């Protein structure tokens, strides 16, 4: 659920950048990507809720299939976020200087099971 909730932040940032971008093609692309992230995030929320309610102790083929669908959806969401960051970086170059936005791309440390690495 945390991934789906974080998609809301990415969507709002992408929409704010798309409003300030002067290049029409990049603006449209950013807006479409933000819509895609929102749609996939909503699907992920629904799938995770259904998976949580149907959580069983047995490893039936249906449970495995549901898990694979959930993982596939999360991977699609992450690919959409990566594409959005790539397009947003290009759009930040095409923004007006007096728009008031300053973008500074910095990797943030992420912890995962005691391991620490930098997100790229």
PDB file of N, CA and C in Angstrom:
ATOM      1  N   UNK A   1       0.814  -1.196   0.000  1.00  0.00           N
ATOM      2  CA  UNK A   1       0.000   0.000   0.000  1.00  0.00           C
ATOM      3  C   UNK A   1       0.858   1.260   0.000  1.00  0.00           C
ATOM      4  N   UNK A   2       2.044   1.196   0.598  1.00  0.00           N
ATOM      5  CA  UNK A   2       2.902   2.378   0.662  1.00  0.00           C
ATOM      6  C   UNK A   2       3.318   2.819  -0.738  1.00  0.00           C
ATOM      7  N   UNK A   3       3.533   1.866  -1.623  1.00  0.00           N
ATOM      8  CA  UNK A   3       3.910   2.201  -3.000  1.00  0.00           C
ATOM      9  C   UNK A   3       2.766   2.940  -3.682  1.00  0.00           C
ATOM     10  N   UNK A   4       1.564   2.455  -3.508  1.00  0.00           N
ATOM     11  CA  UNK A   4       0.399   3.088  -4.127  1.00  0.00           C
ATOM     12  C   UNK A   4       0.170   4.486  -3.560  1.00  0.00           C
ATOM     13  N   UNK A   5       0.407   4.655  -2.270  1.00  0.00           N
ATOM     14  CA  UNK A   5       0.231   5.967  -1.655  1.00  0.00           C
ATOM     15  C   UNK A   5       1.304   6.948  -2.113  1.00  0.00           C
ATOM     16  N   UNK A   6       2.517   6.463  -2.338  1.00  0.00           N
ATOM     17  CA  UNK A   6       3.590   7.331  -2.821  1.00  0.00           C
ATOM     18  C   UNK A   6       3.334   7.770  -4.257  1.00  0.00           C
ATOM     19  N   UNK A   7       2.558   6.997  -4.993  1.00  0.00           N
ATOM     20  CA  UNK A   7       2.255   7.373  -6.375  1.00  0.00           C
ATOM     21  C   UNK A   7       1.440   8.661  -6.441  1.00  0.00           C
ATOM     22  N   UNK A   8       0.687   8.954  -5.400  1.00  0.00           N
ATOM     23  CA  UNK A   8      -0.082  10.198  -5.356  1.00  0.00           C
ATOM     24  C   UNK A   8       0.866  11.396  -5.344  1.00  0.00           C
ATOM     25  N   UNK A   9       1.961  11.307  -4.585  1.00  0.00           N
ATOM     26  CA  UNK A   9       2.942  12.390  -4.541  1.00  0.00           C
ATOM     27  C   UNK A   9       3.612  12.584  -5.896  1.00  0.00           C
ATOM     28  N   UNK A  10       3.972  11.491  -6.533  1.00  0.00           N
ATOM     29  CA  UNK A  10       4.617  11.575  -7.847  1.00  0.00           C
ATOM     30  C   UNK A  10       3.656  12.194  -8.857  1.00  0.00           C
ATOM     31  N   UNK A  11       2.395  11.815  -8.787  1.00  0.00           N
ATOM     32  CA  UNK A  11       1.390  12.359  -9.703  1.00  0.00           C
ATOM     33  C   UNK A  11       1.246  13.862  -9.522  1.00  0.00           C
ATOM     34  N   UNK A  12       1.169  14.324  -8.288  1.00  0.00           N
ATOM     35  CA  UNK A  12       1.003  15.764  -8.054  1.00  0.00           C
ATOM     36  C   UNK A  12       2.233  16.550  -8.499  1.00  0.00           C
ATOM     37  N   UNK A  13       3.424  16.005  -8.284  1.00  0.00           N
ATOM     38  CA  UNK A  13       4.644  16.680  -8.747  1.00  0.00           C
ATOM     39  C   UNK A  13       4.692  16.738 -10.269  1.00  0.00           C
ATOM     40  N   UNK A  14       4.331  15.655 -10.921  1.00  0.00           N
ATOM     41  CA  UNK A  14       4.345  15.622 -12.389  1.00  0.00           C
ATOM     42  C   UNK A  14       3.339  16.607 -12.969  1.00  0.00           C
ATOM     43  N   UNK A  15       2.187  16.712 -12.349  1.00  0.00           N
ATOM     44  CA  UNK A  15       1.182  17.665 -12.841  1.00  0.00           C
ATOM     45  C   UNK A  15       1.636  19.106 -12.636  1.00  0.00           C
ATOM     46  N   UNK A  16       2.268  19.386 -11.497  1.00  0.00           N
ATOM     47  CA  UNK A  16       2.772  20.741 -11.257  1.00  0.00           C
ATOM     48  C   UNK A  16       3.842  21.105 -12.280  1.00  0.00           C
ATOM     49  N   UNK A  17       4.727  20.171 -12.581  1.00  0.00           N
ATOM     50  CA  UNK A  17       5.756  20.430 -13.587  1.00  0.00           C
ATOM     51  C   UNK A  17       5.150  20.585 -14.976  1.00  0.00           C
ATOM     52  N   UNK A  18       4.142  19.792 -15.287  1.00  0.00           N
ATOM     53  CA  UNK A  18       3.541  19.883 -16.624  1.00  0.00           C
ATOM     54  C   UNK A  18       2.861  21.233 -16.834  1.00  0.00           C
ATOM     55  N   UNK A  19       2.339  21.819 -15.778  1.00  0.00           N
ATOM     56  CA  UNK A  19       1.701  23.134 -15.898  1.00  0.00           C
ATOM     57  C   UNK A  19       2.713  24.234 -16.194  1.00  0.00           C
ATOM     58  N   UNK A  20       3.943  24.065 -15.722  1.00  0.00           N
ATOM     59  CA  UNK A  20       4.963  25.097 -15.892  1.00  0.00           C
ATOM     60  C   UNK A  20       5.858  24.891 -17.107  1.00  0.00           C
ATOM     61  N   UNK A  21       5.781  23.747 -17.740  1.00  0.00           N
ATOM     62  CA  UNK A  21       6.642  23.449 -18.883  1.00  0.00           C
ATOM     63  C   UNK A  21       6.177  24.239 -20.105  1.00  0.00           C
ATOM     64  N   UNK A  22       7.127  24.801 -20.851  1.00  0.00           N
ATOM     65  CA  UNK A  22       6.788  25.596 -22.030  1.00  0.00           C
ATOM     66  C   UNK A  22       6.709  24.754 -23.299  1.00  0.00           C
ATOM     67  N   UNK A  23       7.304  23.598 -23.313  1.00  0.00           N
ATOM     68  CA  UNK A  23       7.279  22.716 -24.479  1.00  0.00           C
ATOM     69  C   UNK A  23       5.978  21.917 -24.470  1.00  0.00           C
ATOM     70  N   UNK A  24       5.173  22.092 -25.506  1.00  0.00           N
ATOM     71  CA  UNK A  24       3.843  21.475 -25.548  1.00  0.00           C
ATOM     72  C   UNK A  24       3.906  19.945 -25.530  1.00  0.00           C
ATOM     73  N   UNK A  25       4.847  19.372 -26.271  1.00  0.00           N
ATOM     74  CA  UNK A  25       4.961  17.909 -26.343  1.00  0.00           C
ATOM     75  C   UNK A  25       5.346  17.327 -24.984  1.00  0.00           C
ATOM     76  N   UNK A  26       6.333  17.936 -24.321  1.00  0.00           N
ATOM     77  CA  UNK A  26       6.751  17.448 -22.996  1.00  0.00           C
ATOM     78  C   UNK A  26       5.649  17.642 -21.967  1.00  0.00           C
ATOM     79  N   UNK A  27       4.945  18.756 -22.092  1.00  0.00           N
ATOM     80  CA  UNK A  27       3.843  19.037 -21.176  1.00  0.00           C
ATOM     81  C   UNK A  27       2.766  17.953 -21.284  1.00  0.00           C
ATOM     82  N   UNK A  28       2.402  17.619 -22.517  1.00  0.00           N
ATOM     83  CA  UNK A  28       1.399  16.578 -22.749  1.00  0.00           C
ATOM     84  C   UNK A  28       1.889  15.224 -22.262  1.00  0.00           C
ATOM     85  N   UNK A  29       3.142  14.918 -22.550  1.00  0.00           N
ATOM     86  CA  UNK A  29       3.721  13.641 -22.138  1.00  0.00           C
ATOM     87  C   UNK A  29       3.730  13.507 -20.616  1.00  0.00           C
ATOM     88  N   UNK A  30       4.125  14.568 -19.920  1.00  0.00           N
ATOM     89  CA  UNK A  30       4.142  14.538 -18.451  1.00  0.00           C
ATOM     90  C   UNK A  30       2.736  14.351 -17.894  1.00  0.00           C
ATOM     91  N   UNK A  31       1.774  15.052 -18.471  1.00  0.00           N
ATOM     92  CA  UNK A  31       0.401  14.923 -17.986  1.00  0.00           C
ATOM     93  C   UNK A  31      -0.130  13.510 -18.213  1.00  0.00           C
ATOM     94  N   UNK A  32       0.155  12.930 -19.386  1.00  0.00           N
ATOM     95  CA  UNK A  32      -0.293  11.569 -19.665  1.00  0.00           C
ATOM     96  C   UNK A  32       0.361  10.564 -18.722  1.00  0.00           C
ATOM     97  N   UNK A  33       1.633  10.762 -18.427  1.00  0.00           N
ATOM     98  CA  UNK A  33       2.315   9.870 -17.486  1.00  0.00           C
ATOM     99  C   UNK A  33       1.727   9.994 -16.084  1.00  0.00           C
ATOM    100  N   UNK A  34       1.367  11.217 -15.686  1.00  0.00           N
ATOM    101  CA  UNK A  34       0.766  11.383 -14.357  1.00  0.00           C
ATOM    102  C   UNK A  34      -0.586  10.678 -14.286  1.00  0.00           C
ATOM    103  N   UNK A  35      -1.345  10.725 -15.381  1.00  0.00           N
ATOM    104  CA  UNK A  35      -2.616   9.999 -15.431  1.00  0.00           C
ATOM    105  C   UNK A  35      -2.383   8.491 -15.347  1.00  0.00           C
ATOM    106  N   UNK A  36      -1.355   8.024 -16.037  1.00  0.00           N
ATOM    107  CA  UNK A  36      -1.028   6.590 -16.024  1.00  0.00           C
ATOM    108  C   UNK A  36      -0.635   6.136 -14.620  1.00  0.00           C
ATOM    109  N   UNK A  37       0.176   6.938 -13.941  1.00  0.00           N
ATOM    110  CA  UNK A  37       0.596   6.595 -12.576  1.00  0.00           C
ATOM    111  C   UNK A  37      -0.614   6.542 -11.652  1.00  0.00           C
ATOM    112  N   UNK A  38      -1.501   7.512 -11.802  1.00  0.00           N
ATOM    113  CA  UNK A  38      -2.694   7.534 -10.954  1.00  0.00           C
ATOM    114  C   UNK A  38      -3.556   6.293 -11.189  1.00  0.00           C
ATOM    115  N   UNK A  39      -3.733   5.918 -12.458  1.00  0.00           N
ATOM    116  CA  UNK A  39      -4.551   4.749 -12.784  1.00  0.00           C
ATOM    117  C   UNK A  39      -3.924   3.463 -12.234  1.00  0.00           C
ATOM    118  N   UNK A  40      -2.623   3.286 -12.454  1.00  0.00           N
ATOM    119  CA  UNK A  40      -1.955   2.071 -11.977  1.00  0.00           C
ATOM    120  C   UNK A  40      -1.929   2.047 -10.450  1.00  0.00           C
ATOM    121  N   UNK A  41      -1.747   3.204  -9.821  1.00  0.00           N
ATOM    122  CA  UNK A  41      -1.770   3.279  -8.361  1.00  0.00           C
ATOM    123  C   UNK A  41      -3.117   2.869  -7.793  1.00  0.00           C
ATOM    124  N   UNK A  42      -4.189   3.314  -8.442  1.00  0.00           N
ATOM    125  CA  UNK A  42      -5.532   2.910  -8.003  1.00  0.00           C
ATOM    126  C   UNK A  42      -5.741   1.408  -8.177  1.00  0.00           C
ATOM    127  N   UNK A  43      -5.271   0.875  -9.298  1.00  0.00           N
ATOM    128  CA  UNK A  43      -5.372  -0.571  -9.510  1.00  0.00           C
ATOM    129  C   UNK A  43      -4.605  -1.333  -8.432  1.00  0.00           C
ATOM    130  N   UNK A  44      -3.426  -0.831  -8.094  1.00  0.00           N
ATOM    131  CA  UNK A  44      -2.604  -1.489  -7.079  1.00  0.00           C
ATOM    132  C   UNK A  44      -3.288  -1.467  -5.715  1.00  0.00           C
ATOM    133  N   UNK A  45      -3.924  -0.352  -5.380  1.00  0.00           N
ATOM    134  CA  UNK A  45      -4.664  -0.279  -4.115  1.00  0.00           C
ATOM    135  C   UNK A  45      -5.789  -1.309  -4.081  1.00  0.00           C
ATOM    136  N   UNK A  46      -6.520  -1.402  -5.176  1.00  0.00           N
ATOM    137  CA  UNK A  46      -7.633  -2.353  -5.242  1.00  0.00           C
ATOM    138  C   UNK A  46      -7.123  -3.786  -5.152  1.00  0.00           C
ATOM    139  N   UNK A  47      -6.090  -4.093  -5.936  1.00  0.00           N
ATOM    140  CA  UNK A  47      -5.543  -5.455  -5.921  1.00  0.00           C
ATOM    141  C   UNK A  47      -4.992  -5.837  -4.555  1.00  0.00           C
ATOM    142  N   UNK A  48      -4.307  -4.902  -3.903  1.00  0.00           N
ATOM    143  CA  UNK A  48      -3.741  -5.234  -2.592  1.00  0.00           C
ATOM    144  C   UNK A  48      -4.834  -5.414  -1.547  1.00  0.00           C
ATOM    145  N   UNK A  49      -5.914  -4.651  -1.658  1.00  0.00           N
ATOM    146  CA  UNK A  49      -7.038  -4.818  -0.736  1.00  0.00           C
ATOM    147  C   UNK A  49      -7.707  -6.172  -0.947  1.00  0.00           C
ATOM    148  N   UNK A  50      -7.920  -6.536  -2.202  1.00  0.00           N
ATOM    149  CA  UNK A  50      -8.526  -7.839  -2.506  1.00  0.00           C
ATOM    150  C   UNK A  50      -7.616  -8.965  -2.035  1.00  0.00           C
ATOM    151  N   UNK A  51      -6.324  -8.825  -2.281  1.00  0.00           N
ATOM    152  CA  UNK A  51      -5.356  -9.852  -1.862  1.00  0.00           C
ATOM    153  C   UNK A  51      -5.355  -9.990  -0.342  1.00  0.00           C
ATOM    154  N   UNK A  52      -5.445  -8.873   0.372  1.00  0.00           N
ATOM    155  CA  UNK A  52      -5.439  -8.924   1.835  1.00  0.00           C
ATOM    156  C   UNK A  52      -6.695  -9.601   2.376  1.00  0.00           C
ATOM    157  N   UNK A  53      -7.829  -9.382   1.730  1.00  0.00           N
ATOM    158  CA  UNK A  53      -9.061 -10.009   2.218  1.00  0.00           C
ATOM    159  C   UNK A  53      -9.126 -11.488   1.875  1.00  0.00           C
ATOM    160  N   UNK A  54      -8.442 -11.897   0.805  1.00  0.00           N
ATOM    161  CA  UNK A  54      -8.474 -13.297   0.383  1.00  0.00           C
ATOM    162  C   UNK A  54      -7.259 -14.072   0.868  1.00  0.00           C
ATOM    163  N   UNK A  55      -6.483 -13.469   1.740  1.00  0.00           N
ATOM    164  CA  UNK A  55      -5.253 -14.098   2.209  1.00  0.00           C
ATOM    165  C   UNK A  55      -5.586 -15.400   2.925  1.00  0.00           C
ATOM    166  N   UNK A  56      -5.050 -16.473   2.412  1.00  0.00           N
ATOM    167  CA  UNK A  56      -5.301 -17.784   2.990  1.00  0.00           C
ATOM    168  C   UNK A  56      -4.012 -18.438   3.418  1.00  0.00           C
ATOM    169  N   UNK A  57      -4.137 -19.486   4.187  1.00  0.00           N
ATOM    170  CA  UNK A  57      -2.947 -20.187   4.668  1.00  0.00           C
ATOM    171  C   UNK A  57      -2.426 -21.191   3.652  1.00  0.00           C
ATOM    172  N   UNK A  58      -3.256 -21.572   2.701  1.00  0.00           N
ATOM    173  CA  UNK A  58      -2.814 -22.554   1.705  1.00  0.00           C
ATOM    174  C   UNK A  58      -2.217 -21.849   0.487  1.00  0.00           C
ATOM    175  N   UNK A  59      -1.264 -22.493  -0.146  1.00  0.00           N
ATOM    176  CA  UNK A  59      -0.629 -21.952  -1.338  1.00  0.00           C
ATOM    177  C   UNK A  59      -1.299 -22.534  -2.574  1.00  0.00           C
ATOM    178  N   UNK A  60      -2.496 -22.091  -2.816  1.00  0.00           N
ATOM    179  CA  UNK A  60      -3.224 -22.581  -3.985  1.00  0.00           C
ATOM    180  C   UNK A  60      -2.718 -21.864  -5.237  1.00  0.00           C
ATOM    181  N   UNK A  61      -2.957 -22.435  -6.390  1.00  0.00           N
ATOM    182  CA  UNK A  61      -2.546 -21.775  -7.640  1.00  0.00           C
ATOM    183  C   UNK A  61      -3.196 -20.403  -7.818  1.00  0.00           C
ATOM    184  N   UNK A  62      -4.401 -20.242  -7.289  1.00  0.00           N
ATOM    185  CA  UNK A  62      -5.082 -18.952  -7.375  1.00  0.00           C
ATOM    186  C   UNK A  62      -4.357 -17.896  -6.555  1.00  0.00           C
ATOM    187  N   UNK A  63      -3.873 -18.277  -5.356  1.00  0.00           N
ATOM    188  CA  UNK A  63      -3.110 -17.345  -4.531  1.00  0.00           C
ATOM    189  C   UNK A  63      -1.817 -16.943  -5.222  1.00  0.00           C
ATOM    190  N   UNK A  64      -1.172 -17.899  -5.855  1.00  0.00           N
ATOM    191  CA  UNK A  64       0.065 -17.604  -6.580  1.00  0.00           C
ATOM    192  C   UNK A  64      -0.203 -16.670  -7.747  1.00  0.00           C
ATOM    193  N   UNK A  65      -1.267 -16.913  -8.455  1.00  0.00           N
ATOM    194  CA  UNK A  65      -1.615 -16.068  -9.599  1.00  0.00           C
ATOM    195  C   UNK A  65      -1.947 -14.651  -9.138  1.00  0.00           C
ATOM    196  N   UNK A  66      -2.692 -14.534  -8.038  1.00  0.00           N
ATOM    197  CA  UNK A  66      -3.024 -13.217  -7.495  1.00  0.00           C
ATOM    198  C   UNK A  66      -1.770 -12.458  -7.085  1.00  0.00           C
ATOM    199  N   UNK A  67      -0.822 -13.167  -6.489  1.00  0.00           N
ATOM    200  CA  UNK A  67       0.434 -12.536  -6.088  1.00  0.00           C
ATOM    201  C   UNK A  67       1.221 -12.074  -7.305  1.00  0.00           C
ATOM    202  N   UNK A  68       1.237 -12.881  -8.355  1.00  0.00           N
ATOM    203  CA  UNK A  68       1.947 -12.504  -9.580  1.00  0.00           C
ATOM    204  C   UNK A  68       1.322 -11.271 -10.224  1.00  0.00           C
ATOM    205  N   UNK A  69       0.007 -11.183 -10.210  1.00  0.00           N
ATOM    206  CA  UNK A  69      -0.679 -10.015 -10.759  1.00  0.00           C
ATOM    207  C   UNK A  69      -0.330  -8.777  -9.938  1.00  0.00           C
ATOM    208  N   UNK A  70      -0.307  -8.922  -8.627  1.00  0.00           N
ATOM    209  CA  UNK A  70       0.028  -7.812  -7.739  1.00  0.00           C
ATOM    210  C   UNK A  70       1.455  -7.327  -7.981  1.00  0.00           C
ATOM    211  N   UNK A  71       2.392  -8.245  -8.089  1.00  0.00           N
ATOM    212  CA  UNK A  71       3.796  -7.888  -8.339  1.00  0.00           C
ATOM    213  C   UNK A  71       3.945  -7.247  -9.716  1.00  0.00           C
ATOM    214  N   UNK A  72       3.263  -7.787 -10.712  1.00  0.00           N
ATOM    215  CA  UNK A  72       3.315  -7.215 -12.058  1.00  0.00           C
ATOM    216  C   UNK A  72       2.786  -5.793 -12.094  1.00  0.00           C
ATOM    217  N   UNK A  73       1.721  -5.540 -11.346  1.00  0.00           N
ATOM    218  CA  UNK A  73       1.155  -4.203 -11.282  1.00  0.00           C
ATOM    219  C   UNK A  73       2.122  -3.238 -10.609  1.00  0.00           C
ATOM    220  N   UNK A  74       2.770  -3.680  -9.535  1.00  0.00           N
ATOM    221  CA  UNK A  74       3.750  -2.832  -8.850  1.00  0.00           C
ATOM    222  C   UNK A  74       4.937  -2.531  -9.764  1.00  0.00           C
ATOM    223  N   UNK A  75       5.359  -3.506 -10.554  1.00  0.00           N
ATOM    224  CA  UNK A  75       6.453  -3.277 -11.498  1.00  0.00           C
ATOM    225  C   UNK A  75       6.043  -2.279 -12.575  1.00  0.00           C
ATOM    226  N   UNK A  76       4.817  -2.366 -13.057  1.00  0.00           N
ATOM    227  CA  UNK A  76       4.329  -1.394 -14.038  1.00  0.00           C
ATOM    228  C   UNK A  76       4.304   0.011 -13.454  1.00  0.00           C
ATOM    229  N   UNK A  77       3.906   0.114 -12.190  1.00  0.00           N
ATOM    230  CA  UNK A  77       3.883   1.414 -11.531  1.00  0.00           C
ATOM    231  C   UNK A  77       5.291   1.989 -11.420  1.00  0.00           C
ATOM    232  N   UNK A  78       6.239   1.160 -11.041  1.00  0.00           N
ATOM    233  CA  UNK A  78       7.620   1.642 -10.911  1.00  0.00           C
ATOM    234  C   UNK A  78       8.195   2.062 -12.267  1.00  0.00           C
ATOM    235  N   UNK A  79       7.868   1.332 -13.327  1.00  0.00           N
ATOM    236  CA  UNK A  79       8.326   1.719 -14.669  1.00  0.00           C
ATOM    237  C   UNK A  79       7.729   3.064 -15.077  1.00  0.00           C
ATOM    238  N   UNK A  80       6.462   3.286 -14.748  1.00  0.00           N
ATOM    239  CA  UNK A  80       5.823   4.564 -15.063  1.00  0.00           C
ATOM    240  C   UNK A  80       6.466   5.701 -14.277  1.00  0.00           C
ATOM    241  N   UNK A  81       6.826   5.441 -13.025  1.00  0.00           N
ATOM    242  CA  UNK A  81       7.493   6.461 -12.209  1.00  0.00           C
ATOM    243  C   UNK A  81       8.873   6.778 -12.780  1.00  0.00           C
ATOM    244  N   UNK A  82       9.613   5.754 -13.182  1.00  0.00           N
ATOM    245  CA  UNK A  82      10.939   5.967 -13.769  1.00  0.00           C
ATOM    246  C   UNK A  82      10.822   6.805 -15.039  1.00  0.00           C
ATOM    247  N   UNK A  83       9.856   6.487 -15.872  1.00  0.00           N
ATOM    248  CA  UNK A  83       9.642   7.246 -17.110  1.00  0.00           C
ATOM    249  C   UNK A  83       9.259   8.691 -16.797  1.00  0.00           C
ATOM    250  N   UNK A  84       8.442   8.890 -15.758  1.00  0.00           N
ATOM    251  CA  UNK A  84       8.034  10.234 -15.365  1.00  0.00           C
ATOM    252  C   UNK A  84       9.226  11.051 -14.890  1.00  0.00           C
ATOM    253  N   UNK A  85      10.093  10.449 -14.107  1.00  0.00           N
ATOM    254  CA  UNK A  85      11.285  11.163 -13.633  1.00  0.00           C
ATOM    255  C   UNK A  85      12.173  11.547 -14.814  1.00  0.00           C
ATOM    256  N   UNK A  86      12.314  10.652 -15.774  1.00  0.00           N
ATOM    257  CA  UNK A  86      13.133  10.933 -16.954  1.00  0.00           C
ATOM    258  C   UNK A  86      12.550  12.105 -17.757  1.00  0.00           C
ATOM    259  N   UNK A  87      11.236  12.084 -17.973  1.00  0.00           N
ATOM    260  CA  UNK A  87      10.588  13.157 -18.723  1.00  0.00           C
ATOM    261  C   UNK A  87      10.590  14.457 -17.917  1.00  0.00           C
ATOM    262  N   UNK A  88      10.410  14.362 -16.607  1.00  0.00           N
ATOM    263  CA  UNK A  88      10.413  15.558 -15.757  1.00  0.00           C
ATOM    264  C   UNK A  88      11.778  16.235 -15.768  1.00  0.00           C
ATOM    265  N   UNK A  89      12.823  15.447 -15.834  1.00  0.00           N
ATOM    266  CA  UNK A  89      14.162  16.022 -15.912  1.00  0.00           C
ATOM    267  C   UNK A  89      14.315  16.832 -17.197  1.00  0.00           C
ATOM    268  N   UNK A  90      13.834  16.287 -18.294  1.00  0.00           N
ATOM    269  CA  UNK A  90      13.879  17.021 -19.558  1.00  0.00           C
ATOM    270  C   UNK A  90      12.972  18.234 -19.542  1.00  0.00           C
ATOM    271  N   UNK A  91      11.807  18.109 -18.927  1.00  0.00           N
ATOM    272  CA  UNK A  91      10.861  19.223 -18.865  1.00  0.00           C
ATOM    273  C   UNK A  91      11.384  20.350 -17.986  1.00  0.00           C
ATOM    274  N   UNK A  92      12.175  20.014 -16.983  1.00  0.00           N
ATOM    275  CA  UNK A  92      12.699  21.058 -16.096  1.00  0.00           C
ATOM    276  C   UNK A  92      13.642  21.995 -16.839  1.00  0.00           C
ATOM    277  N   UNK A  93      14.248  21.508 -17.915  1.00  0.00           N
ATOM    278  CA  UNK A  93      15.110  22.357 -18.736  1.00  0.00           C
ATOM    279  C   UNK A  93      14.263  23.325 -19.553  1.00  0.00           C
ATOM    280  N   UNK A  94      13.068  22.911 -19.918  1.00  0.00           N
ATOM    281  CA  UNK A  94      12.186  23.711 -20.768  1.00  0.00           C
ATOM    282  C   UNK A  94      11.257  24.630 -19.973  1.00  0.00           C
ATOM    283  N   UNK A  95      11.478  24.768 -18.674  1.00  0.00           N
ATOM    284  CA  UNK A  95      10.621  25.625 -17.859  1.00  0.00           C
ATOM    285  C   UNK A  95      11.128  27.055 -17.903  1.00  0.00           C
ATOM    286  N   UNK A  96      10.229  27.985 -17.733  1.00  0.00           N
ATOM    287  CA  UNK A  96      10.626  29.389 -17.682  1.00  0.00           C
ATOM    288  C   UNK A  96      11.430  29.628 -16.417  1.00  0.00           C
ATOM    289  N   UNK A  97      12.416  30.489 -16.520  1.00  0.00           N
ATOM    290  CA  UNK A  97      13.289  30.775 -15.384  1.00  0.00           C
ATOM    291  C   UNK A  97      12.523  31.488 -14.280  1.00  0.00           C
ATOM    292  N   UNK A  98      11.593  32.340 -14.638  1.00  0.00           N
ATOM    293  CA  UNK A  98      10.858  33.114 -13.638  1.00  0.00           C
ATOM    294  C   UNK A  98       9.630  32.386 -13.094  1.00  0.00           C
ATOM    295  N   UNK A  99       9.504  31.089 -13.358  1.00  0.00           N
ATOM    296  CA  UNK A  99       8.336  30.341 -12.885  1.00  0.00           C
ATOM    297  C   UNK A  99       8.358  30.117 -11.375  1.00  0.00           C
ATOM    298  N   UNK A 100       9.526  30.259 -10.763  1.00  0.00           N
ATOM    299  CA  UNK A 100       9.632  30.083  -9.323  1.00  0.00           C
ATOM    300  C   UNK A 100      10.008  28.683  -8.896  1.00  0.00           C
ATOM    301  N   UNK A 101      10.051  27.756  -9.841  1.00  0.00           N
ATOM    302  CA  UNK A 101      10.417  26.383  -9.521  1.00  0.00           C
ATOM    303  C   UNK A 101      11.906  26.184  -9.723  1.00  0.00           C
ATOM    304  N   UNK A 102      12.508  25.520  -8.777  1.00  0.00           N
ATOM    305  CA  UNK A 102      13.899  25.107  -8.911  1.00  0.00           C
ATOM    306  C   UNK A 102      13.944  23.623  -8.609  1.00  0.00           C
ATOM    307  N   UNK A 103      14.465  22.867  -9.530  1.00  0.00           N
ATOM    308  CA  UNK A 103      14.521  21.419  -9.358  1.00  0.00           C
ATOM    309  C   UNK A 103      15.964  21.016  -9.134  1.00  0.00           C
ATOM    310  N   UNK A 104      16.166  20.263  -8.099  1.00  0.00           N
ATOM    311  CA  UNK A 104      17.489  19.742  -7.796  1.00  0.00           C
ATOM    312  C   UNK A 104      17.340  18.240  -7.614  1.00  0.00           C
ATOM    313  N   UNK A 105      17.951  17.480  -8.491  1.00  0.00           N
ATOM    314  CA  UNK A 105      17.821  16.028  -8.468  1.00  0.00           C
ATOM    315  C   UNK A 105      18.841  15.449  -7.512  1.00  0.00           C
ATOM    316  N   UNK A 106      18.352  14.828  -6.449  1.00  0.00           N
ATOM    317  CA  UNK A 106      19.230  14.234  -5.444  1.00  0.00           C
ATOM    318  C   UNK A 106      18.733  12.834  -5.119  1.00  0.00           C
ATOM    319  N   UNK A 107      19.620  11.852  -5.146  1.00  0.00           N
ATOM    320  CA  UNK A 107      19.203  10.513  -4.718  1.00  0.00           C
ATOM    321  C   UNK A 107      18.974  10.496  -3.212  1.00  0.00           C
ATOM    322  N   UNK A 108      17.999   9.729  -2.786  1.00  0.00           N
ATOM    323  CA  UNK A 108      17.687   9.637  -1.369  1.00  0.00           C
ATOM    324  C   UNK A 108      18.052   8.244  -0.885  1.00  0.00           C
ATOM    325  N   UNK A 109      18.708   8.149   0.276  1.00  0.00           N
ATOM    326  CA  UNK A 109      19.052   6.816   0.785  1.00  0.00           C
ATOM    327  C   UNK A 109      17.794   6.026   1.134  1.00  0.00           C
ATOM    328  N   UNK A 110      17.809   4.773   0.761  1.00  0.00           N
ATOM    329  CA  UNK A 110      16.678   3.878   1.031  1.00  0.00           C
ATOM    330  C   UNK A 110      17.211   2.687   1.807  1.00  0.00           C
ATOM    331  N   UNK A 111      16.486   2.290   2.836  1.00  0.00           N
ATOM    332  CA  UNK A 111      16.895   1.107   3.583  1.00  0.00           C
ATOM    333  C   UNK A 111      15.970  -0.033   3.227  1.00  0.00           C
ATOM    334  N   UNK A 112      16.542  -1.219   3.172  1.00  0.00           N
ATOM    335  CA  UNK A 112      15.756  -2.397   2.822  1.00  0.00           C
ATOM    336  C   UNK A 112      16.349  -3.584   3.563  1.00  0.00           C
ATOM    337  N   UNK A 113      15.701  -4.010   4.610  1.00  0.00           N
ATOM    338  CA  UNK A 113      16.148  -5.190   5.348  1.00  0.00           C
ATOM    339  C   UNK A 113      17.543  -5.044   5.930  1.00  0.00           C
ATOM    340  N   UNK A 114      17.867  -3.847   6.405  1.00  0.00           N
ATOM    341  CA  UNK A 114      19.183  -3.645   6.996  1.00  0.00           C
ATOM    342  C   UNK A 114      20.238  -3.222   5.994  1.00  0.00           C
ATOM    343  N   UNK A 115      19.979  -3.412   4.705  1.00  0.00           N
ATOM    344  CA  UNK A 115      20.923  -2.986   3.683  1.00  0.00           C
ATOM    345  C   UNK A 115      20.627  -1.542   3.314  1.00  0.00           C
ATOM    346  N   UNK A 116      21.651  -0.801   3.031  1.00  0.00           N
ATOM    347  CA  UNK A 116      21.459   0.598   2.683  1.00  0.00           C
ATOM    348  C   UNK A 116      22.064   0.841   1.305  1.00  0.00           C
ATOM    349  N   UNK A 117      21.295   1.446   0.434  1.00  0.00           N
ATOM    350  CA  UNK A 117      21.787   1.747  -0.905  1.00  0.00           C
ATOM    351  C   UNK A 117      21.136   3.032  -1.387  1.00  0.00           C
ATOM    352  N   UNK A 118      21.687   3.598  -2.421  1.00  0.00           N
ATOM    353  CA  UNK A 118      21.166   4.838  -2.971  1.00  0.00           C
ATOM    354  C   UNK A 118      20.254   4.511  -4.152  1.00  0.00           C
ATOM    355  N   UNK A 119      19.106   5.180  -4.205  1.00  0.00           N
ATOM    356  CA  UNK A 119      18.184   4.992  -5.327  1.00  0.00           C
ATOM    357  C   UNK A 119      18.738   5.695  -6.552  1.00  0.00           C
ATOM    358  N   UNK A 120      18.569   5.077  -7.696  1.00  0.00           N
ATOM    359  CA  UNK A 120      19.049   5.690  -8.941  1.00  0.00           C
ATOM    360  C   UNK A 120      17.896   5.984  -9.845  1.00  0.00           C
TER     361      UNK A 120
END
